[in-house]
Amino acid sequence: MTAVPIFEAKNKLPFFIHLAEEGETIQLTRHGKPVARIIAEEECAQKTEGEIFMAKVMEWREKHPYAFFNEEDEKAMYDYRHRIEPSIRHPEDFD
C-alpha cells in the first residue's frame, strides 16, 4: 500500500489511478492520517467475507433441505465467527 498526501494525489491523479489499476492500493492522507483509499474497480467488486460466508450457508441449505438449521442457529454461528474474525458480522448488524 502506498500512502500519499491528498494534495499530491490531486496533482498526479492519473498516475495514482494507473497504479491502482495495476493492483496497488493508494492510501490518501491528510496531515499524515489516513482518510481514504483508491483501489481498482475489480477489487471493489469482490465479495466481502460476510457475503462469502452467507453464500456458503445458502449453498449448505440447498444441499441439506431437511436438516434442522434455524435462524437462531445461524445467528449463533455468526456470533461465534464474529469473536474469531471480527470482520464478519451478522446481517442484523447492518439495520
N, C-alpha and C. Protein backbone atom coordinates (compact mmCIF):
# COMPACT_ATOMS: atom_id res chain seq x y z
N MET A 1 0.84 -1.16 0.00
CA MET A 1 0.00 0.00 0.00
C MET A 1 0.90 1.24 0.00
N THR A 2 0.52 2.19 -0.83
CA THR A 2 1.26 3.43 -0.93
C THR A 2 0.47 4.54 -0.27
N ALA A 3 1.08 5.25 0.68
CA ALA A 3 0.43 6.39 1.33
C ALA A 3 0.84 7.67 0.62
N VAL A 4 -0.16 8.50 0.30
CA VAL A 4 0.08 9.73 -0.45
C VAL A 4 -0.75 10.86 0.14
N PRO A 5 -0.15 12.04 0.36
CA PRO A 5 -0.95 13.18 0.81
C PRO A 5 -1.98 13.57 -0.26
N ILE A 6 -3.14 14.04 0.18
CA ILE A 6 -4.21 14.38 -0.75
C ILE A 6 -3.74 15.38 -1.81
N PHE A 7 -2.99 16.40 -1.41
CA PHE A 7 -2.56 17.42 -2.38
C PHE A 7 -1.70 16.82 -3.48
N GLU A 8 -0.87 15.82 -3.13
CA GLU A 8 -0.04 15.17 -4.14
C GLU A 8 -0.89 14.31 -5.07
N ALA A 9 -1.87 13.60 -4.49
CA ALA A 9 -2.77 12.78 -5.30
C ALA A 9 -3.55 13.66 -6.27
N LYS A 10 -3.97 14.83 -5.84
CA LYS A 10 -4.71 15.75 -6.70
C LYS A 10 -3.86 16.16 -7.91
N ASN A 11 -2.60 16.42 -7.66
CA ASN A 11 -1.71 16.87 -8.74
C ASN A 11 -1.28 15.75 -9.67
N LYS A 12 -1.31 14.49 -9.20
CA LYS A 12 -0.84 13.36 -10.00
C LYS A 12 -1.89 12.26 -10.08
N LEU A 13 -3.17 12.63 -10.10
CA LEU A 13 -4.24 11.65 -10.05
C LEU A 13 -4.14 10.58 -11.14
N PRO A 14 -3.89 10.91 -12.42
CA PRO A 14 -3.78 9.85 -13.43
C PRO A 14 -2.71 8.81 -13.10
N PHE A 15 -1.61 9.25 -12.54
CA PHE A 15 -0.54 8.32 -12.18
C PHE A 15 -1.01 7.35 -11.10
N PHE A 16 -1.67 7.86 -10.07
CA PHE A 16 -2.12 7.01 -8.98
C PHE A 16 -3.27 6.09 -9.41
N ILE A 17 -4.11 6.54 -10.30
CA ILE A 17 -5.16 5.67 -10.84
C ILE A 17 -4.53 4.52 -11.62
N HIS A 18 -3.50 4.84 -12.38
CA HIS A 18 -2.79 3.78 -13.12
C HIS A 18 -2.20 2.75 -12.14
N LEU A 19 -1.61 3.21 -11.04
CA LEU A 19 -1.08 2.28 -10.04
C LEU A 19 -2.20 1.41 -9.46
N ALA A 20 -3.35 2.01 -9.19
CA ALA A 20 -4.48 1.25 -8.66
C ALA A 20 -4.94 0.20 -9.66
N GLU A 21 -4.97 0.54 -10.93
CA GLU A 21 -5.36 -0.41 -11.97
C GLU A 21 -4.42 -1.61 -12.02
N GLU A 22 -3.17 -1.39 -11.64
CA GLU A 22 -2.18 -2.46 -11.62
C GLU A 22 -2.23 -3.28 -10.34
N GLY A 23 -3.15 -2.92 -9.42
CA GLY A 23 -3.32 -3.70 -8.21
C GLY A 23 -2.81 -3.05 -6.94
N GLU A 24 -2.19 -1.90 -7.04
CA GLU A 24 -1.68 -1.19 -5.87
C GLU A 24 -2.83 -0.44 -5.19
N THR A 25 -2.87 -0.47 -3.87
CA THR A 25 -3.84 0.32 -3.12
C THR A 25 -3.17 1.62 -2.71
N ILE A 26 -3.83 2.73 -3.01
CA ILE A 26 -3.29 4.05 -2.69
C ILE A 26 -4.06 4.59 -1.49
N GLN A 27 -3.36 4.86 -0.41
CA GLN A 27 -4.00 5.41 0.78
C GLN A 27 -3.78 6.92 0.78
N LEU A 28 -4.87 7.67 0.81
CA LEU A 28 -4.79 9.13 0.83
C LEU A 28 -4.73 9.60 2.27
N THR A 29 -3.82 10.54 2.54
CA THR A 29 -3.65 11.03 3.91
C THR A 29 -3.84 12.53 3.97
N ARG A 30 -4.28 12.98 5.15
CA ARG A 30 -4.37 14.42 5.43
C ARG A 30 -3.62 14.62 6.74
N HIS A 31 -2.58 15.43 6.69
CA HIS A 31 -1.72 15.68 7.85
C HIS A 31 -1.18 14.37 8.42
N GLY A 32 -0.86 13.43 7.53
CA GLY A 32 -0.27 12.17 7.93
C GLY A 32 -1.25 11.11 8.41
N LYS A 33 -2.55 11.44 8.45
CA LYS A 33 -3.56 10.48 8.91
C LYS A 33 -4.35 9.95 7.72
N PRO A 34 -4.55 8.62 7.63
CA PRO A 34 -5.31 8.04 6.52
C PRO A 34 -6.76 8.54 6.52
N VAL A 35 -7.25 8.92 5.32
CA VAL A 35 -8.64 9.39 5.21
C VAL A 35 -9.43 8.68 4.12
N ALA A 36 -8.76 8.10 3.13
CA ALA A 36 -9.45 7.42 2.03
C ALA A 36 -8.47 6.53 1.29
N ARG A 37 -9.03 5.71 0.38
CA ARG A 37 -8.19 4.83 -0.44
C ARG A 37 -8.66 4.86 -1.88
N ILE A 38 -7.73 4.66 -2.77
CA ILE A 38 -8.03 4.46 -4.18
C ILE A 38 -7.69 3.00 -4.46
N ILE A 39 -8.71 2.25 -4.94
CA ILE A 39 -8.50 0.84 -5.26
C ILE A 39 -9.05 0.56 -6.65
N ALA A 40 -8.61 -0.53 -7.25
CA ALA A 40 -9.09 -0.92 -8.57
C ALA A 40 -10.56 -1.33 -8.48
N GLU A 41 -11.30 -1.12 -9.55
CA GLU A 41 -12.71 -1.49 -9.61
C GLU A 41 -12.89 -2.98 -9.35
N GLU A 42 -12.00 -3.80 -9.87
CA GLU A 42 -12.09 -5.25 -9.68
C GLU A 42 -12.03 -5.62 -8.20
N GLU A 43 -11.15 -4.96 -7.46
CA GLU A 43 -11.01 -5.24 -6.03
C GLU A 43 -12.26 -4.79 -5.28
N CYS A 44 -12.83 -3.70 -5.68
CA CYS A 44 -14.03 -3.17 -5.04
C CYS A 44 -15.21 -4.10 -5.26
N ALA A 45 -15.25 -4.76 -6.40
CA ALA A 45 -16.37 -5.63 -6.75
C ALA A 45 -16.30 -6.99 -6.08
N GLN A 46 -15.18 -7.33 -5.47
CA GLN A 46 -15.04 -8.63 -4.81
C GLN A 46 -15.98 -8.71 -3.61
N LYS A 47 -16.45 -9.90 -3.33
CA LYS A 47 -17.35 -10.10 -2.21
C LYS A 47 -16.60 -9.96 -0.88
N THR A 48 -17.32 -9.48 0.11
CA THR A 48 -16.76 -9.41 1.45
C THR A 48 -16.77 -10.79 2.09
N GLU A 49 -16.05 -10.94 3.18
CA GLU A 49 -16.01 -12.23 3.87
C GLU A 49 -17.40 -12.63 4.34
N GLY A 50 -18.18 -11.67 4.81
CA GLY A 50 -19.54 -11.95 5.27
C GLY A 50 -20.43 -12.43 4.15
N GLU A 51 -20.29 -11.82 2.97
CA GLU A 51 -21.08 -12.25 1.81
C GLU A 51 -20.70 -13.66 1.38
N ILE A 52 -19.41 -13.97 1.42
CA ILE A 52 -18.93 -15.31 1.06
C ILE A 52 -19.47 -16.33 2.05
N PHE A 53 -19.43 -15.99 3.34
CA PHE A 53 -19.93 -16.89 4.37
C PHE A 53 -21.42 -17.14 4.18
N MET A 54 -22.19 -16.07 3.92
CA MET A 54 -23.63 -16.22 3.74
C MET A 54 -23.92 -17.08 2.50
N ALA A 55 -23.15 -16.93 1.44
CA ALA A 55 -23.34 -17.74 0.24
C ALA A 55 -23.09 -19.22 0.56
N LYS A 56 -22.09 -19.50 1.41
CA LYS A 56 -21.82 -20.88 1.80
C LYS A 56 -22.96 -21.45 2.64
N VAL A 57 -23.53 -20.62 3.51
CA VAL A 57 -24.67 -21.07 4.31
C VAL A 57 -25.84 -21.41 3.39
N MET A 58 -26.13 -20.56 2.41
CA MET A 58 -27.23 -20.81 1.48
C MET A 58 -26.97 -22.07 0.65
N GLU A 59 -25.72 -22.28 0.24
CA GLU A 59 -25.36 -23.48 -0.51
C GLU A 59 -25.59 -24.73 0.36
N TRP A 60 -25.21 -24.65 1.62
CA TRP A 60 -25.40 -25.77 2.54
C TRP A 60 -26.89 -26.06 2.69
N ARG A 61 -27.70 -25.01 2.82
CA ARG A 61 -29.14 -25.19 2.97
C ARG A 61 -29.75 -25.89 1.75
N GLU A 62 -29.25 -25.54 0.56
CA GLU A 62 -29.76 -26.18 -0.65
C GLU A 62 -29.39 -27.67 -0.69
N LYS A 63 -28.21 -28.01 -0.24
CA LYS A 63 -27.76 -29.40 -0.26
C LYS A 63 -28.45 -30.23 0.82
N HIS A 64 -28.84 -29.60 1.93
CA HIS A 64 -29.44 -30.31 3.06
C HIS A 64 -30.78 -29.67 3.43
N PRO A 65 -31.77 -29.79 2.55
CA PRO A 65 -33.04 -29.08 2.79
C PRO A 65 -33.81 -29.58 4.00
N TYR A 66 -33.56 -30.79 4.45
CA TYR A 66 -34.31 -31.34 5.58
C TYR A 66 -33.54 -31.25 6.90
N ALA A 67 -32.36 -30.68 6.86
CA ALA A 67 -31.58 -30.54 8.09
C ALA A 67 -32.17 -29.41 8.93
N PHE A 68 -32.09 -29.56 10.24
CA PHE A 68 -32.61 -28.54 11.14
C PHE A 68 -31.55 -27.46 11.33
N PHE A 69 -31.82 -26.29 10.81
CA PHE A 69 -30.87 -25.19 10.88
C PHE A 69 -31.71 -23.92 10.87
N ASN A 70 -32.09 -23.45 12.05
CA ASN A 70 -32.98 -22.29 12.12
C ASN A 70 -32.19 -20.99 12.23
N GLU A 71 -32.92 -19.86 12.26
CA GLU A 71 -32.27 -18.55 12.30
C GLU A 71 -31.47 -18.36 13.58
N GLU A 72 -31.93 -18.95 14.68
CA GLU A 72 -31.20 -18.83 15.94
C GLU A 72 -29.83 -19.52 15.83
N ASP A 73 -29.81 -20.71 15.21
CA ASP A 73 -28.54 -21.41 14.99
C ASP A 73 -27.62 -20.59 14.10
N GLU A 74 -28.20 -20.00 13.06
CA GLU A 74 -27.41 -19.20 12.13
C GLU A 74 -26.81 -18.00 12.85
N LYS A 75 -27.58 -17.31 13.67
CA LYS A 75 -27.07 -16.15 14.41
C LYS A 75 -25.96 -16.58 15.36
N ALA A 76 -26.12 -17.76 16.00
CA ALA A 76 -25.09 -18.27 16.90
C ALA A 76 -23.79 -18.50 16.13
N MET A 77 -23.90 -19.02 14.91
CA MET A 77 -22.70 -19.23 14.08
C MET A 77 -22.03 -17.90 13.77
N TYR A 78 -22.82 -16.89 13.40
CA TYR A 78 -22.26 -15.58 13.11
C TYR A 78 -21.60 -15.00 14.34
N ASP A 79 -22.27 -15.10 15.49
CA ASP A 79 -21.72 -14.56 16.73
C ASP A 79 -20.40 -15.24 17.07
N TYR A 80 -20.34 -16.57 16.89
CA TYR A 80 -19.11 -17.31 17.15
C TYR A 80 -18.00 -16.85 16.20
N ARG A 81 -18.33 -16.75 14.92
CA ARG A 81 -17.32 -16.32 13.93
C ARG A 81 -16.90 -14.89 14.20
N HIS A 82 -17.82 -14.05 14.68
CA HIS A 82 -17.50 -12.65 14.96
C HIS A 82 -16.43 -12.55 16.05
N ARG A 83 -16.49 -13.45 17.03
CA ARG A 83 -15.46 -13.44 18.08
C ARG A 83 -14.11 -13.85 17.52
N ILE A 84 -14.12 -14.75 16.53
CA ILE A 84 -12.86 -15.24 15.95
C ILE A 84 -12.37 -14.28 14.87
N GLU A 85 -13.28 -13.87 13.97
CA GLU A 85 -12.95 -12.98 12.86
C GLU A 85 -13.86 -11.77 12.93
N PRO A 86 -13.45 -10.68 13.59
CA PRO A 86 -14.33 -9.53 13.79
C PRO A 86 -14.84 -8.89 12.50
N SER A 87 -14.24 -9.18 11.36
CA SER A 87 -14.70 -8.57 10.12
C SER A 87 -16.00 -9.18 9.63
N ILE A 88 -16.42 -10.31 10.20
CA ILE A 88 -17.66 -10.97 9.77
C ILE A 88 -18.76 -10.56 10.75
N ARG A 89 -19.83 -9.99 10.20
CA ARG A 89 -20.92 -9.52 11.03
C ARG A 89 -22.23 -10.16 10.59
N HIS A 90 -23.17 -10.23 11.50
CA HIS A 90 -24.50 -10.76 11.20
C HIS A 90 -25.27 -9.72 10.39
N PRO A 91 -26.10 -10.12 9.43
CA PRO A 91 -26.85 -9.16 8.63
C PRO A 91 -27.68 -8.18 9.46
N GLU A 92 -28.15 -8.59 10.66
CA GLU A 92 -28.92 -7.68 11.50
C GLU A 92 -28.08 -6.50 11.97
N ASP A 93 -26.76 -6.64 11.98
CA ASP A 93 -25.88 -5.54 12.41
C ASP A 93 -25.95 -4.36 11.45
N PHE A 94 -26.44 -4.56 10.24
CA PHE A 94 -26.47 -3.51 9.24
C PHE A 94 -27.77 -2.73 9.25
N ASP A 95 -28.77 -3.15 10.03
CA ASP A 95 -30.06 -2.45 10.09
C ASP A 95 -29.97 -1.19 10.90
